[in-house]
């Protein structure tokens, strides 16, 4: 769930092998509550992995390591896919702001033909690779800012927890609209962040998801899954 900022320069500073080693060292592999047969490398607390990332890159203001945690919006999308495997079956899936790669991994596990995680944080590339391996799947990765481009040609576009800050929300919304307008199915997961454009979305489902008090004010949040209306329609609103 990384935004467009100085993270795009980090790959030149830290080789992929070093990024993978950092992710492995400062996280531990654990099962996901409510998501069957999926394990992720996740951090126990934010400050340690944050400081390690800053030390590795030499950037004192390095952003939050989003990839080290399972966020509520992504957890809701993963739960929805688990209950509705027809959403991903034999389809090309793009997981925007993938973070840990959770949604892409669940998509492959439930029959997607291929899944690609997108995130500008280079440490997310390492996290996705380790998490995909831990779950016995293959997930592609794109490390550039796709919001400056036309939406990718995909059957399904996933966007979990992308509404936490105004500048990002202002860029994501028209991009998702363009994707839906050309016929891509769009699924959005969110626990009610400040900049969620609920009026532009159609609600599909809601879940109580277990996340972390390291980044949220409580361990269990209610998160919803939405679709972006476009050609072909969607499911009934809850």
Protein backbone atom coordinates (compact mmCIF):
# COMPACT_ATOMS: atom_id res chain seq x y z
CA UNK A 1 0.00 0.00 0.00
CA UNK A 2 2.82 2.34 -0.81
CA UNK A 3 2.32 5.79 -2.30
CA UNK A 4 4.46 7.71 -4.74
CA UNK A 5 7.46 9.08 -2.80
CA UNK A 6 11.21 8.58 -2.29
CA UNK A 7 10.79 4.80 -2.01
CA UNK A 8 11.24 4.55 -5.77
CA UNK A 9 14.97 5.29 -5.27
CA UNK A 10 15.56 2.59 -2.69
CA UNK A 11 16.20 -0.38 -5.07
CA UNK A 12 19.41 1.29 -6.23
CA UNK A 13 20.58 1.50 -2.63
CA UNK A 14 19.66 -1.95 -1.34
CA UNK A 15 20.10 -5.11 -3.47
CA UNK A 16 17.15 -7.50 -3.63
CA UNK A 17 19.08 -10.20 -1.76
CA UNK A 18 19.65 -7.78 1.12
CA UNK A 19 16.01 -6.75 1.13
CA UNK A 20 14.92 -10.37 1.35
CA UNK A 21 17.33 -10.97 4.21
CA UNK A 22 15.96 -7.96 6.09
CA UNK A 23 12.36 -9.08 5.62
CA UNK A 24 13.21 -12.59 6.81
CA UNK A 25 15.11 -11.31 9.85
CA UNK A 26 12.55 -8.83 11.13
CA UNK A 27 9.38 -10.81 10.51
CA UNK A 28 8.14 -14.26 11.40
CA UNK A 29 6.01 -16.64 9.38
CA UNK A 30 2.55 -17.06 10.87
CA UNK A 31 -0.93 -18.26 9.86
CA UNK A 32 -3.61 -15.71 9.03
CA UNK A 33 -6.73 -15.56 11.21
CA UNK A 34 -9.82 -16.25 9.10
CA UNK A 35 -7.88 -17.09 5.93
CA UNK A 36 -7.34 -20.79 5.51
CA UNK A 37 -3.95 -22.26 4.65
CA UNK A 38 -2.16 -18.95 4.16
CA UNK A 39 0.95 -17.85 6.08
CA UNK A 40 2.75 -14.53 5.86
CA UNK A 41 6.04 -13.09 7.05
CA UNK A 42 4.78 -10.35 9.39
CA UNK A 43 6.43 -8.10 11.95
CA UNK A 44 5.57 -8.26 15.64
CA UNK A 45 5.98 -4.52 16.09
CA UNK A 46 6.50 -1.57 13.80
CA UNK A 47 9.45 0.33 15.26
CA UNK A 48 12.06 -2.44 14.95
CA UNK A 49 11.46 -3.18 11.28
CA UNK A 50 11.05 0.54 10.55
CA UNK A 51 14.43 1.31 12.12
CA UNK A 52 16.07 -1.60 10.30
CA UNK A 53 14.71 -0.36 6.98
CA UNK A 54 15.98 3.15 7.68
CA UNK A 55 19.42 1.79 8.59
CA UNK A 56 19.61 -0.39 5.48
CA UNK A 57 18.67 2.44 3.14
CA UNK A 58 20.36 5.32 4.90
CA UNK A 59 17.06 7.24 4.73
CA UNK A 60 16.02 8.44 8.19
CA UNK A 61 12.55 9.40 6.99
CA UNK A 62 11.78 6.04 5.34
CA UNK A 63 7.99 5.49 5.29
CA UNK A 64 6.01 2.94 7.27
CA UNK A 65 6.88 -0.66 6.25
CA UNK A 66 3.37 -1.41 4.98
CA UNK A 67 4.55 -4.78 3.64
CA UNK A 68 5.31 -6.03 7.17
CA UNK A 69 1.66 -6.11 8.25
CA UNK A 70 -1.68 -7.47 7.04
CA UNK A 71 -3.98 -4.48 6.65
CA UNK A 72 -7.73 -4.57 7.18
CA UNK A 73 -8.72 -3.77 3.61
CA UNK A 74 -6.55 -6.53 2.18
CA UNK A 75 -7.78 -8.99 4.79
CA UNK A 76 -11.36 -8.25 3.76
CA UNK A 77 -10.58 -8.80 0.08
CA UNK A 78 -8.83 -12.07 0.92
CA UNK A 79 -11.86 -13.23 2.90
CA UNK A 80 -14.16 -12.27 0.03
CA UNK A 81 -12.09 -14.17 -2.53
CA UNK A 82 -12.06 -17.17 -0.21
CA UNK A 83 -15.87 -17.10 -0.16
CA UNK A 84 -16.24 -16.22 -3.86
CA UNK A 85 -13.52 -18.07 -5.80
CA UNK A 86 -15.44 -17.44 -9.02
CA UNK A 87 -14.16 -13.85 -8.81
CA UNK A 88 -10.61 -15.03 -9.57
CA UNK A 89 -11.03 -18.40 -11.31
CA UNK A 90 -8.86 -18.61 -14.47
CA UNK A 91 -8.41 -14.83 -14.45
CA UNK A 92 -5.52 -12.42 -14.64
CA UNK A 93 -5.45 -10.55 -11.33
CA UNK A 94 -3.55 -7.36 -10.48
CA UNK A 95 -3.17 -6.53 -6.79
CA UNK A 96 -2.52 -2.79 -6.55
CA UNK A 97 -0.52 -1.55 -3.53
CA UNK A 98 0.05 -5.20 -2.71
CA UNK A 99 2.21 -4.76 0.42
CA UNK A 100 2.75 -8.28 1.72
CA UNK A 101 1.17 -9.84 -1.36
CA UNK A 102 -1.70 -11.35 0.64
CA UNK A 103 -4.49 -10.72 -1.88
CA UNK A 104 -2.44 -11.90 -4.84
CA UNK A 105 -1.49 -15.08 -2.98
CA UNK A 106 -5.10 -15.81 -2.04
CA UNK A 107 -6.16 -15.18 -5.65
CA UNK A 108 -3.70 -17.78 -6.94
CA UNK A 109 -4.70 -20.20 -4.21
CA UNK A 110 -8.32 -19.94 -5.35
CA UNK A 111 -7.76 -20.50 -9.04
CA UNK A 112 -6.43 -17.32 -10.66
CA UNK A 113 -4.49 -18.00 -13.84
CA UNK A 114 -1.92 -15.43 -12.76
CA UNK A 115 -1.54 -12.69 -10.16
CA UNK A 116 0.74 -9.67 -10.14
CA UNK A 117 1.46 -7.52 -7.11
CA UNK A 118 2.08 -3.81 -7.67
CA UNK A 119 3.89 -1.64 -5.12
CA UNK A 120 6.53 1.08 -5.35
CA UNK A 121 8.18 0.06 -2.07
CA UNK A 122 11.12 -2.18 -3.05
CA UNK A 123 10.93 -4.01 0.26
CA UNK A 124 7.44 -5.12 -0.77
CA UNK A 125 9.06 -6.92 -3.71
CA UNK A 126 11.12 -8.94 -1.23
CA UNK A 127 8.15 -9.56 1.05
CA UNK A 128 5.94 -10.74 -1.81
CA UNK A 129 8.65 -13.13 -3.02
CA UNK A 130 9.12 -14.66 0.44
CA UNK A 131 5.40 -14.89 1.12
CA UNK A 132 4.64 -16.44 -2.26
CA UNK A 133 7.34 -19.05 -1.68
CA UNK A 134 6.00 -19.81 1.81
CA UNK A 135 2.59 -20.51 0.28
CA UNK A 136 3.83 -22.51 -2.69
CA UNK A 137 2.63 -20.09 -5.37
CA UNK A 138 4.10 -17.71 -7.93
CA UNK A 139 3.23 -14.04 -7.87
CA UNK A 140 4.61 -11.49 -10.31
CA UNK A 141 5.71 -8.05 -9.21
CA UNK A 142 5.68 -4.57 -10.73
CA UNK A 143 7.62 -1.93 -8.82
CA UNK A 144 6.69 1.29 -10.58
CA UNK A 145 3.93 3.83 -10.03
CA UNK A 146 1.11 2.60 -12.27
CA UNK A 147 -1.09 5.57 -11.36
CA UNK A 148 0.88 7.55 -13.95
CA UNK A 149 -0.19 5.05 -16.61
CA UNK A 150 -3.39 3.63 -18.02
CA UNK A 151 -4.76 0.78 -15.87
CA UNK A 152 -3.30 -2.60 -16.84
CA UNK A 153 -5.12 -5.08 -19.03
CA UNK A 154 -6.44 -7.45 -16.38
CA UNK A 155 -9.64 -9.30 -15.63
CA UNK A 156 -9.65 -8.25 -11.98
CA UNK A 157 -8.01 -5.33 -10.19
CA UNK A 158 -7.74 -5.44 -6.38
CA UNK A 159 -7.15 -2.35 -4.23
CA UNK A 160 -6.90 -2.90 -0.48
CA UNK A 161 -6.50 0.00 1.97
CA UNK A 162 -5.65 2.75 -0.52
CA UNK A 163 -7.74 5.55 1.03
CA UNK A 164 -5.68 6.53 4.07
CA UNK A 165 -4.39 9.84 2.71
CA UNK A 166 -5.91 12.50 0.47
CA UNK A 167 -3.24 12.84 -2.25
CA UNK A 168 -3.22 9.10 -2.88
CA UNK A 169 -7.03 8.88 -2.87
CA UNK A 170 -7.20 11.71 -5.42
CA UNK A 171 -5.04 9.69 -7.79
CA UNK A 172 -6.46 6.23 -7.14
CA UNK A 173 -10.13 7.06 -7.70
CA UNK A 174 -9.93 8.24 -11.35
CA UNK A 175 -7.50 5.40 -12.12
CA UNK A 176 -9.92 2.79 -10.79
CA UNK A 177 -12.77 4.49 -12.66
CA UNK A 178 -10.84 4.16 -15.91
CA UNK A 179 -10.17 0.49 -15.18
CA UNK A 180 -13.86 -0.18 -14.54
CA UNK A 181 -14.90 1.80 -17.62
CA UNK A 182 -12.89 -0.46 -19.88
CA UNK A 183 -14.42 -3.58 -18.36
CA UNK A 184 -11.97 -4.61 -15.65
CA UNK A 185 -13.67 -5.90 -12.52
CA UNK A 186 -12.50 -3.76 -9.57
CA UNK A 187 -12.64 -4.88 -5.93
CA UNK A 188 -11.83 -2.42 -3.15
CA UNK A 189 -11.26 -3.37 0.50
CA UNK A 190 -11.38 -0.78 3.27
CA UNK A 191 -12.25 -0.42 6.98
CA UNK A 192 -13.70 3.06 6.59
CA UNK A 193 -10.64 5.23 6.08
CA UNK A 194 -11.17 8.97 5.97
CA UNK A 195 -10.83 9.34 2.21
CA UNK A 196 -12.86 6.29 1.12
CA UNK A 197 -15.15 7.45 -1.74
CA UNK A 198 -18.10 5.33 -0.60
CA UNK A 199 -20.49 7.17 -2.91
CA UNK A 200 -18.57 5.91 -5.94
CA UNK A 201 -18.57 2.30 -4.79
CA UNK A 202 -21.05 -0.55 -4.45
CA UNK A 203 -20.75 -2.56 -1.22
CA UNK A 204 -20.53 -6.35 -1.57
CA UNK A 205 -19.64 -7.75 1.85
CA UNK A 206 -18.39 -6.89 5.32
CA UNK A 207 -16.07 -8.78 7.65
CA UNK A 208 -14.65 -8.55 11.15
CA UNK A 209 -10.91 -8.87 10.52
CA UNK A 210 -8.06 -9.34 12.98
CA UNK A 211 -5.18 -6.95 12.35
CA UNK A 212 -2.58 -5.35 14.65
CA UNK A 213 -2.69 -2.67 17.32
CA UNK A 214 0.75 -1.60 16.14
CA UNK A 215 -0.96 0.35 13.37
CA UNK A 216 -4.65 0.43 14.31
CA UNK A 217 -6.46 1.56 17.44
CA UNK A 218 -7.92 -1.91 17.99
CA UNK A 219 -7.11 -5.46 16.95
CA UNK A 220 -10.43 -6.28 15.29
CA UNK A 221 -11.88 -3.98 12.64
CA UNK A 222 -14.97 -4.12 10.47
CA UNK A 223 -13.85 -3.88 6.87
CA UNK A 224 -15.96 -3.90 3.74
CA UNK A 225 -15.43 -5.05 0.19
CA UNK A 226 -16.76 -2.90 -2.65
CA UNK A 227 -16.85 -2.96 -6.41
CA UNK A 228 -16.38 -0.03 -8.75
CA UNK A 229 -19.44 0.05 -11.04
CA UNK A 230 -18.65 -0.39 -14.72
CA UNK A 231 -19.76 -2.34 -17.80
CA UNK A 232 -21.05 -5.77 -16.85
CA UNK A 233 -22.46 -4.66 -13.49
CA UNK A 234 -21.76 -6.18 -10.11
CA UNK A 235 -23.27 -8.18 -7.31
CA UNK A 236 -26.16 -7.10 -5.15
CA UNK A 237 -25.39 -4.41 -2.59
CA UNK A 238 -25.40 -5.47 1.09
